[in-house]
């Protein structure tokens, strides 16, 4: 069994409040549901920054890499956020 962790550090330039930041993050999390992964945001009171963690559990390494590449493309195509850093770990 392979557990993959994909962590994004995001900058949300248009967020003027925590409420608008939550709206953007919720939108991303909703679109990631189709990949059958777990998504969590690390709690932060900074309204323009967010750390989003995505976890996938699978038996197939190629499935894991394929899923994570699709997720990276989805988040990089999101116009309301800038990706500052991406880290991938296999646990």
PDB file of N, CA and C in Angstrom:
ATOM      1  N   UNK A   1       0.845  -1.171   0.000  1.00  0.00           N
ATOM      2  CA  UNK A   1       0.000   0.000   0.000  1.00  0.00           C
ATOM      3  C   UNK A   1       0.892   1.235   0.000  1.00  0.00           C
ATOM      4  N   UNK A   2       0.565   2.176  -0.854  1.00  0.00           N
ATOM      5  CA  UNK A   2       1.346   3.398  -1.008  1.00  0.00           C
ATOM      6  C   UNK A   2       0.484   4.580  -0.588  1.00  0.00           C
ATOM      7  N   UNK A   3       1.059   5.439   0.238  1.00  0.00           N
ATOM      8  CA  UNK A   3       0.392   6.667   0.659  1.00  0.00           C
ATOM      9  C   UNK A   3       1.196   7.828   0.099  1.00  0.00           C
ATOM     10  N   UNK A   4       0.543   8.666  -0.674  1.00  0.00           N
ATOM     11  CA  UNK A   4       1.202   9.834  -1.247  1.00  0.00           C
ATOM     12  C   UNK A   4       0.662  11.102  -0.627  1.00  0.00           C
ATOM     13  N   UNK A   5       1.561  12.039  -0.362  1.00  0.00           N
ATOM     14  CA  UNK A   5       1.193  13.336   0.204  1.00  0.00           C
ATOM     15  C   UNK A   5       1.688  14.419  -0.730  1.00  0.00           C
ATOM     16  N   UNK A   6       0.786  15.269  -1.171  1.00  0.00           N
ATOM     17  CA  UNK A   6       1.105  16.379  -2.052  1.00  0.00           C
ATOM     18  C   UNK A   6       0.734  17.656  -1.313  1.00  0.00           C
ATOM     19  N   UNK A   7       1.708  18.537  -1.110  1.00  0.00           N
ATOM     20  CA  UNK A   7       1.486  19.751  -0.329  1.00  0.00           C
ATOM     21  C   UNK A   7       1.718  20.978  -1.204  1.00  0.00           C
ATOM     22  N   UNK A   8       0.743  21.864  -1.219  1.00  0.00           N
ATOM     23  CA  UNK A   8       0.814  23.105  -1.988  1.00  0.00           C
ATOM     24  C   UNK A   8       0.870  24.290  -1.035  1.00  0.00           C
ATOM     25  N   UNK A   9       1.796  25.197  -1.287  1.00  0.00           N
ATOM     26  CA  UNK A   9       1.786  26.484  -0.604  1.00  0.00           C
ATOM     27  C   UNK A   9       1.226  27.478  -1.612  1.00  0.00           C
ATOM     28  N   UNK A  10       0.107  28.105  -1.258  1.00  0.00           N
ATOM     29  CA  UNK A  10      -0.616  28.955  -2.197  1.00  0.00           C
ATOM     30  C   UNK A  10      -0.635  30.405  -1.743  1.00  0.00           C
ATOM     31  N   UNK A  11      -0.613  31.303  -2.709  1.00  0.00           N
ATOM     32  CA  UNK A  11      -0.793  32.729  -2.482  1.00  0.00           C
ATOM     33  C   UNK A  11      -2.075  33.122  -3.196  1.00  0.00           C
ATOM     34  N   UNK A  12      -2.962  33.797  -2.478  1.00  0.00           N
ATOM     35  CA  UNK A  12      -4.262  34.180  -3.024  1.00  0.00           C
ATOM     36  C   UNK A  12      -4.325  35.707  -3.046  1.00  0.00           C
ATOM     37  N   UNK A  13      -3.866  36.331  -4.136  1.00  0.00           N
ATOM     38  CA  UNK A  13      -3.729  37.789  -4.160  1.00  0.00           C
ATOM     39  C   UNK A  13      -5.052  38.542  -4.059  1.00  0.00           C
ATOM     40  N   UNK A  14      -6.132  37.956  -4.531  1.00  0.00           N
ATOM     41  CA  UNK A  14      -7.415  38.660  -4.533  1.00  0.00           C
ATOM     42  C   UNK A  14      -8.183  38.527  -3.224  1.00  0.00           C
ATOM     43  N   UNK A  15      -7.668  37.736  -2.292  1.00  0.00           N
ATOM     44  CA  UNK A  15      -8.365  37.540  -1.016  1.00  0.00           C
ATOM     45  C   UNK A  15      -8.190  38.783  -0.145  1.00  0.00           C
ATOM     46  N   UNK A  16      -9.294  39.410   0.170  1.00  0.00           N
ATOM     47  CA  UNK A  16      -9.253  40.591   1.016  1.00  0.00           C
ATOM     48  C   UNK A  16      -9.640  40.294   2.453  1.00  0.00           C
ATOM     49  N   UNK A  17     -10.034  39.057   2.705  1.00  0.00           N
ATOM     50  CA  UNK A  17     -10.446  38.661   4.046  1.00  0.00           C
ATOM     51  C   UNK A  17     -10.341  37.145   4.160  1.00  0.00           C
ATOM     52  N   UNK A  18     -10.473  36.647   5.384  1.00  0.00           N
ATOM     53  CA  UNK A  18     -10.469  35.194   5.580  1.00  0.00           C
ATOM     54  C   UNK A  18     -11.667  34.545   4.887  1.00  0.00           C
ATOM     55  N   UNK A  19     -12.777  35.283   4.829  1.00  0.00           N
ATOM     56  CA  UNK A  19     -13.974  34.748   4.180  1.00  0.00           C
ATOM     57  C   UNK A  19     -13.737  34.529   2.685  1.00  0.00           C
ATOM     58  N   UNK A  20     -13.113  35.479   2.018  1.00  0.00           N
ATOM     59  CA  UNK A  20     -12.852  35.314   0.584  1.00  0.00           C
ATOM     60  C   UNK A  20     -11.794  34.240   0.339  1.00  0.00           C
ATOM     61  N   UNK A  21     -10.838  34.104   1.257  1.00  0.00           N
ATOM     62  CA  UNK A  21      -9.838  33.033   1.150  1.00  0.00           C
ATOM     63  C   UNK A  21     -10.525  31.674   1.262  1.00  0.00           C
ATOM     64  N   UNK A  22     -11.418  31.520   2.236  1.00  0.00           N
ATOM     65  CA  UNK A  22     -12.131  30.252   2.417  1.00  0.00           C
ATOM     66  C   UNK A  22     -12.968  29.903   1.187  1.00  0.00           C
ATOM     67  N   UNK A  23     -13.531  30.915   0.544  1.00  0.00           N
ATOM     68  CA  UNK A  23     -14.323  30.685  -0.661  1.00  0.00           C
ATOM     69  C   UNK A  23     -13.458  30.084  -1.770  1.00  0.00           C
ATOM     70  N   UNK A  24     -12.265  30.629  -1.977  1.00  0.00           N
ATOM     71  CA  UNK A  24     -11.351  30.131  -3.012  1.00  0.00           C
ATOM     72  C   UNK A  24     -10.899  28.714  -2.678  1.00  0.00           C
ATOM     73  N   UNK A  25     -10.514  28.471  -1.423  1.00  0.00           N
ATOM     74  CA  UNK A  25     -10.036  27.150  -1.006  1.00  0.00           C
ATOM     75  C   UNK A  25     -11.158  26.120  -1.109  1.00  0.00           C
ATOM     76  N   UNK A  26     -12.364  26.490  -0.710  1.00  0.00           N
ATOM     77  CA  UNK A  26     -13.501  25.565  -0.799  1.00  0.00           C
ATOM     78  C   UNK A  26     -13.775  25.187  -2.254  1.00  0.00           C
ATOM     79  N   UNK A  27     -13.643  26.142  -3.149  1.00  0.00           N
ATOM     80  CA  UNK A  27     -13.840  25.875  -4.573  1.00  0.00           C
ATOM     81  C   UNK A  27     -12.824  24.856  -5.089  1.00  0.00           C
ATOM     82  N   UNK A  28     -11.570  25.005  -4.699  1.00  0.00           N
ATOM     83  CA  UNK A  28     -10.524  24.060  -5.106  1.00  0.00           C
ATOM     84  C   UNK A  28     -10.804  22.682  -4.511  1.00  0.00           C
ATOM     85  N   UNK A  29     -11.137  22.641  -3.222  1.00  0.00           N
ATOM     86  CA  UNK A  29     -11.403  21.362  -2.561  1.00  0.00           C
ATOM     87  C   UNK A  29     -12.577  20.634  -3.212  1.00  0.00           C
ATOM     88  N   UNK A  30     -13.602  21.367  -3.602  1.00  0.00           N
ATOM     89  CA  UNK A  30     -14.760  20.749  -4.253  1.00  0.00           C
ATOM     90  C   UNK A  30     -14.381  20.128  -5.595  1.00  0.00           C
ATOM     91  N   UNK A  31     -13.502  20.794  -6.345  1.00  0.00           N
ATOM     92  CA  UNK A  31     -13.092  20.253  -7.640  1.00  0.00           C
ATOM     93  C   UNK A  31     -12.150  19.066  -7.494  1.00  0.00           C
ATOM     94  N   UNK A  32     -11.459  18.955  -6.365  1.00  0.00           N
ATOM     95  CA  UNK A  32     -10.553  17.826  -6.144  1.00  0.00           C
ATOM     96  C   UNK A  32     -11.292  16.556  -5.718  1.00  0.00           C
ATOM     97  N   UNK A  33     -12.563  16.667  -5.359  1.00  0.00           N
ATOM     98  CA  UNK A  33     -13.338  15.495  -4.927  1.00  0.00           C
ATOM     99  C   UNK A  33     -13.409  14.420  -6.001  1.00  0.00           C
ATOM    100  N   UNK A  34     -13.385  14.822  -7.266  1.00  0.00           N
ATOM    101  CA  UNK A  34     -13.514  13.839  -8.345  1.00  0.00           C
ATOM    102  C   UNK A  34     -12.306  12.915  -8.448  1.00  0.00           C
ATOM    103  N   UNK A  35     -11.202  13.256  -7.791  1.00  0.00           N
ATOM    104  CA  UNK A  35     -10.001  12.421  -7.822  1.00  0.00           C
ATOM    105  C   UNK A  35      -9.951  11.413  -6.673  1.00  0.00           C
ATOM    106  N   UNK A  36     -10.960  11.409  -5.819  1.00  0.00           N
ATOM    107  CA  UNK A  36     -11.038  10.465  -4.704  1.00  0.00           C
ATOM    108  C   UNK A  36      -9.810  10.552  -3.796  1.00  0.00           C
ATOM    109  N   UNK A  37      -9.500  11.772  -3.385  1.00  0.00           N
ATOM    110  CA  UNK A  37      -8.378  12.038  -2.487  1.00  0.00           C
ATOM    111  C   UNK A  37      -8.904  12.778  -1.265  1.00  0.00           C
ATOM    112  N   UNK A  38      -8.101  12.795  -0.218  1.00  0.00           N
ATOM    113  CA  UNK A  38      -8.433  13.580   0.971  1.00  0.00           C
ATOM    114  C   UNK A  38      -7.682  14.900   0.892  1.00  0.00           C
ATOM    115  N   UNK A  39      -8.379  15.982   1.224  1.00  0.00           N
ATOM    116  CA  UNK A  39      -7.799  17.320   1.126  1.00  0.00           C
ATOM    117  C   UNK A  39      -8.013  18.042   2.446  1.00  0.00           C
ATOM    118  N   UNK A  40      -6.963  18.711   2.913  1.00  0.00           N
ATOM    119  CA  UNK A  40      -7.075  19.487   4.147  1.00  0.00           C
ATOM    120  C   UNK A  40      -6.253  20.756   4.013  1.00  0.00           C
ATOM    121  N   UNK A  41      -6.776  21.818   4.615  1.00  0.00           N
ATOM    122  CA  UNK A  41      -6.035  23.073   4.665  1.00  0.00           C
ATOM    123  C   UNK A  41      -5.463  23.223   6.062  1.00  0.00           C
ATOM    124  N   UNK A  42      -4.192  23.546   6.126  1.00  0.00           N
ATOM    125  CA  UNK A  42      -3.599  23.826   7.427  1.00  0.00           C
ATOM    126  C   UNK A  42      -4.134  25.169   7.893  1.00  0.00           C
ATOM    127  N   UNK A  43      -4.556  25.214   9.136  1.00  0.00           N
ATOM    128  CA  UNK A  43      -5.153  26.428   9.681  1.00  0.00           C
ATOM    129  C   UNK A  43      -4.152  27.573   9.642  1.00  0.00           C
ATOM    130  N   UNK A  44      -4.626  28.678   9.121  1.00  0.00           N
ATOM    131  CA  UNK A  44      -3.774  29.856   9.026  1.00  0.00           C
ATOM    132  C   UNK A  44      -4.651  31.093   9.092  1.00  0.00           C
ATOM    133  N   UNK A  45      -4.213  32.071   9.847  1.00  0.00           N
ATOM    134  CA  UNK A  45      -4.947  33.321   9.930  1.00  0.00           C
ATOM    135  C   UNK A  45      -4.444  34.341   8.927  1.00  0.00           C
ATOM    136  N   UNK A  46      -3.503  33.941   8.081  1.00  0.00           N
ATOM    137  CA  UNK A  46      -3.045  34.821   7.017  1.00  0.00           C
ATOM    138  C   UNK A  46      -4.032  34.712   5.863  1.00  0.00           C
ATOM    139  N   UNK A  47      -4.679  35.801   5.499  1.00  0.00           N
ATOM    140  CA  UNK A  47      -5.768  35.720   4.544  1.00  0.00           C
ATOM    141  C   UNK A  47      -5.324  35.630   3.098  1.00  0.00           C
ATOM    142  N   UNK A  48      -4.043  35.795   2.798  1.00  0.00           N
ATOM    143  CA  UNK A  48      -3.598  35.648   1.413  1.00  0.00           C
ATOM    144  C   UNK A  48      -2.721  34.420   1.196  1.00  0.00           C
ATOM    145  N   UNK A  49      -2.479  33.643   2.228  1.00  0.00           N
ATOM    146  CA  UNK A  49      -1.647  32.441   2.093  1.00  0.00           C
ATOM    147  C   UNK A  49      -2.395  31.232   2.637  1.00  0.00           C
ATOM    148  N   UNK A  50      -2.083  30.089   2.020  1.00  0.00           N
ATOM    149  CA  UNK A  50      -2.708  28.853   2.459  1.00  0.00           C
ATOM    150  C   UNK A  50      -1.784  27.686   2.146  1.00  0.00           C
ATOM    151  N   UNK A  51      -1.847  26.660   2.975  1.00  0.00           N
ATOM    152  CA  UNK A  51      -1.139  25.410   2.715  1.00  0.00           C
ATOM    153  C   UNK A  51      -2.208  24.333   2.590  1.00  0.00           C
ATOM    154  N   UNK A  52      -2.240  23.712   1.419  1.00  0.00           N
ATOM    155  CA  UNK A  52      -3.239  22.703   1.105  1.00  0.00           C
ATOM    156  C   UNK A  52      -2.539  21.363   0.962  1.00  0.00           C
ATOM    157  N   UNK A  53      -3.001  20.361   1.717  1.00  0.00           N
ATOM    158  CA  UNK A  53      -2.410  19.020   1.668  1.00  0.00           C
ATOM    159  C   UNK A  53      -3.399  18.049   1.041  1.00  0.00           C
ATOM    160  N   UNK A  54      -2.891  17.236   0.112  1.00  0.00           N
ATOM    161  CA  UNK A  54      -3.702  16.251  -0.600  1.00  0.00           C
ATOM    162  C   UNK A  54      -3.085  14.882  -0.351  1.00  0.00           C
ATOM    163  N   UNK A  55      -3.908  13.911   0.066  1.00  0.00           N
ATOM    164  CA  UNK A  55      -3.419  12.563   0.354  1.00  0.00           C
ATOM    165  C   UNK A  55      -4.167  11.564  -0.524  1.00  0.00           C
ATOM    166  N   UNK A  56      -3.391  10.623  -1.074  1.00  0.00           N
ATOM    167  CA  UNK A  56      -3.959   9.556  -1.898  1.00  0.00           C
ATOM    168  C   UNK A  56      -3.381   8.227  -1.424  1.00  0.00           C
ATOM    169  N   UNK A  57      -4.253   7.231  -1.242  1.00  0.00           N
ATOM    170  CA  UNK A  57      -3.823   5.886  -0.846  1.00  0.00           C
ATOM    171  C   UNK A  57      -4.164   4.946  -1.996  1.00  0.00           C
ATOM    172  N   UNK A  58      -3.159   4.189  -2.451  1.00  0.00           N
ATOM    173  CA  UNK A  58      -3.355   3.297  -3.588  1.00  0.00           C
ATOM    174  C   UNK A  58      -2.375   2.131  -3.535  1.00  0.00           C
ATOM    175  N   UNK A  59      -2.596   1.150  -4.376  1.00  0.00           N
ATOM    176  CA  UNK A  59      -1.666   0.027  -4.504  1.00  0.00           C
ATOM    177  C   UNK A  59      -0.748   0.182  -5.707  1.00  0.00           C
ATOM    178  N   UNK A  60      -1.038   1.165  -6.552  1.00  0.00           N
ATOM    179  CA  UNK A  60      -0.337   1.327  -7.820  1.00  0.00           C
ATOM    180  C   UNK A  60       0.394   2.667  -7.860  1.00  0.00           C
ATOM    181  N   UNK A  61       1.710   2.629  -7.958  1.00  0.00           N
ATOM    182  CA  UNK A  61       2.510   3.848  -7.984  1.00  0.00           C
ATOM    183  C   UNK A  61       2.178   4.709  -9.200  1.00  0.00           C
ATOM    184  N   UNK A  62       1.969   4.086 -10.347  1.00  0.00           N
ATOM    185  CA  UNK A  62       1.670   4.867 -11.551  1.00  0.00           C
ATOM    186  C   UNK A  62       0.335   5.599 -11.414  1.00  0.00           C
ATOM    187  N   UNK A  63      -0.634   4.982 -10.740  1.00  0.00           N
ATOM    188  CA  UNK A  63      -1.917   5.652 -10.486  1.00  0.00           C
ATOM    189  C   UNK A  63      -1.710   6.872  -9.594  1.00  0.00           C
ATOM    190  N   UNK A  64      -0.863   6.725  -8.590  1.00  0.00           N
ATOM    191  CA  UNK A  64      -0.579   7.828  -7.674  1.00  0.00           C
ATOM    192  C   UNK A  64       0.043   8.999  -8.421  1.00  0.00           C
ATOM    193  N   UNK A  65       1.088   8.732  -9.208  1.00  0.00           N
ATOM    194  CA  UNK A  65       1.754   9.800  -9.955  1.00  0.00           C
ATOM    195  C   UNK A  65       0.808  10.447 -10.968  1.00  0.00           C
ATOM    196  N   UNK A  66      -0.003   9.658 -11.626  1.00  0.00           N
ATOM    197  CA  UNK A  66      -0.961  10.182 -12.596  1.00  0.00           C
ATOM    198  C   UNK A  66      -1.980  11.104 -11.920  1.00  0.00           C
ATOM    199  N   UNK A  67      -2.503  10.659 -10.791  1.00  0.00           N
ATOM    200  CA  UNK A  67      -3.478  11.469 -10.050  1.00  0.00           C
ATOM    201  C   UNK A  67      -2.855  12.768  -9.575  1.00  0.00           C
ATOM    202  N   UNK A  68      -1.653  12.699  -9.022  1.00  0.00           N
ATOM    203  CA  UNK A  68      -0.992  13.905  -8.531  1.00  0.00           C
ATOM    204  C   UNK A  68      -0.661  14.875  -9.667  1.00  0.00           C
ATOM    205  N   UNK A  69      -0.297  14.381 -10.836  1.00  0.00           N
ATOM    206  CA  UNK A  69      -0.031  15.264 -11.980  1.00  0.00           C
ATOM    207  C   UNK A  69      -1.305  15.986 -12.413  1.00  0.00           C
ATOM    208  N   UNK A  70      -2.423  15.282 -12.422  1.00  0.00           N
ATOM    209  CA  UNK A  70      -3.701  15.906 -12.773  1.00  0.00           C
ATOM    210  C   UNK A  70      -4.071  16.982 -11.758  1.00  0.00           C
ATOM    211  N   UNK A  71      -3.828  16.698 -10.484  1.00  0.00           N
ATOM    212  CA  UNK A  71      -4.137  17.667  -9.431  1.00  0.00           C
ATOM    213  C   UNK A  71      -3.233  18.889  -9.555  1.00  0.00           C
ATOM    214  N   UNK A  72      -1.957  18.676  -9.841  1.00  0.00           N
ATOM    215  CA  UNK A  72      -1.037  19.810 -10.034  1.00  0.00           C
ATOM    216  C   UNK A  72      -1.501  20.694 -11.187  1.00  0.00           C
ATOM    217  N   UNK A  73      -1.895  20.070 -12.293  1.00  0.00           N
ATOM    218  CA  UNK A  73      -2.374  20.847 -13.442  1.00  0.00           C
ATOM    219  C   UNK A  73      -3.629  21.637 -13.087  1.00  0.00           C
ATOM    220  N   UNK A  74      -4.540  21.010 -12.344  1.00  0.00           N
ATOM    221  CA  UNK A  74      -5.775  21.684 -11.965  1.00  0.00           C
ATOM    222  C   UNK A  74      -5.479  22.912 -11.105  1.00  0.00           C
ATOM    223  N   UNK A  75      -4.634  22.758 -10.108  1.00  0.00           N
ATOM    224  CA  UNK A  75      -4.349  23.879  -9.211  1.00  0.00           C
ATOM    225  C   UNK A  75      -3.519  24.947  -9.919  1.00  0.00           C
ATOM    226  N   UNK A  76      -2.581  24.547 -10.765  1.00  0.00           N
ATOM    227  CA  UNK A  76      -1.795  25.533 -11.515  1.00  0.00           C
ATOM    228  C   UNK A  76      -2.645  26.302 -12.515  1.00  0.00           C
ATOM    229  N   UNK A  77      -3.740  25.717 -12.977  1.00  0.00           N
ATOM    230  CA  UNK A  77      -4.617  26.406 -13.924  1.00  0.00           C
ATOM    231  C   UNK A  77      -5.610  27.331 -13.224  1.00  0.00           C
ATOM    232  N   UNK A  78      -5.686  27.245 -11.923  1.00  0.00           N
ATOM    233  CA  UNK A  78      -6.598  28.092 -11.145  1.00  0.00           C
ATOM    234  C   UNK A  78      -6.086  29.537 -11.189  1.00  0.00           C
ATOM    235  N   UNK A  79      -6.904  30.440 -11.743  1.00  0.00           N
ATOM    236  CA  UNK A  79      -6.454  31.823 -11.929  1.00  0.00           C
ATOM    237  C   UNK A  79      -6.453  32.636 -10.636  1.00  0.00           C
ATOM    238  N   UNK A  80      -7.192  32.210  -9.638  1.00  0.00           N
ATOM    239  CA  UNK A  80      -7.296  32.998  -8.409  1.00  0.00           C
ATOM    240  C   UNK A  80      -6.194  32.691  -7.399  1.00  0.00           C
ATOM    241  N   UNK A  81      -5.304  31.734  -7.711  1.00  0.00           N
ATOM    242  CA  UNK A  81      -4.201  31.417  -6.795  1.00  0.00           C
ATOM    243  C   UNK A  81      -2.883  31.344  -7.552  1.00  0.00           C
ATOM    244  N   UNK A  82      -1.809  31.614  -6.822  1.00  0.00           N
ATOM    245  CA  UNK A  82      -0.460  31.415  -7.335  1.00  0.00           C
ATOM    246  C   UNK A  82       0.183  30.327  -6.484  1.00  0.00           C
ATOM    247  N   UNK A  83       0.779  29.352  -7.129  1.00  0.00           N
ATOM    248  CA  UNK A  83       1.441  28.266  -6.410  1.00  0.00           C
ATOM    249  C   UNK A  83       2.859  28.715  -6.081  1.00  0.00           C
ATOM    250  N   UNK A  84       3.166  28.801  -4.787  1.00  0.00           N
ATOM    251  CA  UNK A  84       4.498  29.207  -4.350  1.00  0.00           C
ATOM    252  C   UNK A  84       5.442  28.022  -4.227  1.00  0.00           C
ATOM    253  N   UNK A  85       4.896  26.879  -3.801  1.00  0.00           N
ATOM    254  CA  UNK A  85       5.732  25.705  -3.580  1.00  0.00           C
ATOM    255  C   UNK A  85       4.864  24.449  -3.650  1.00  0.00           C
ATOM    256  N   UNK A  86       5.447  23.382  -4.192  1.00  0.00           N
ATOM    257  CA  UNK A  86       4.773  22.080  -4.241  1.00  0.00           C
ATOM    258  C   UNK A  86       5.763  21.033  -3.762  1.00  0.00           C
ATOM    259  N   UNK A  87       5.323  20.182  -2.841  1.00  0.00           N
ATOM    260  CA  UNK A  87       6.161  19.087  -2.353  1.00  0.00           C
ATOM    261  C   UNK A  87       5.367  17.795  -2.427  1.00  0.00           C
ATOM    262  N   UNK A  88       6.045  16.729  -2.856  1.00  0.00           N
ATOM    263  CA  UNK A  88       5.409  15.420  -2.909  1.00  0.00           C
ATOM    264  C   UNK A  88       6.225  14.440  -2.089  1.00  0.00           C
ATOM    265  N   UNK A  89       5.525  13.653  -1.273  1.00  0.00           N
ATOM    266  CA  UNK A  89       6.181  12.643  -0.443  1.00  0.00           C
ATOM    267  C   UNK A  89       5.444  11.321  -0.602  1.00  0.00           C
ATOM    268  N   UNK A  90       6.199  10.243  -0.557  1.00  0.00           N
ATOM    269  CA  UNK A  90       5.613   8.911  -0.489  1.00  0.00           C
ATOM    270  C   UNK A  90       5.856   8.385   0.911  1.00  0.00           C
ATOM    271  N   UNK A  91       4.797   7.951   1.562  1.00  0.00           N
ATOM    272  CA  UNK A  91       4.911   7.492   2.945  1.00  0.00           C
ATOM    273  C   UNK A  91       4.782   5.990   3.013  1.00  0.00           C
TER     274      UNK A  91
END
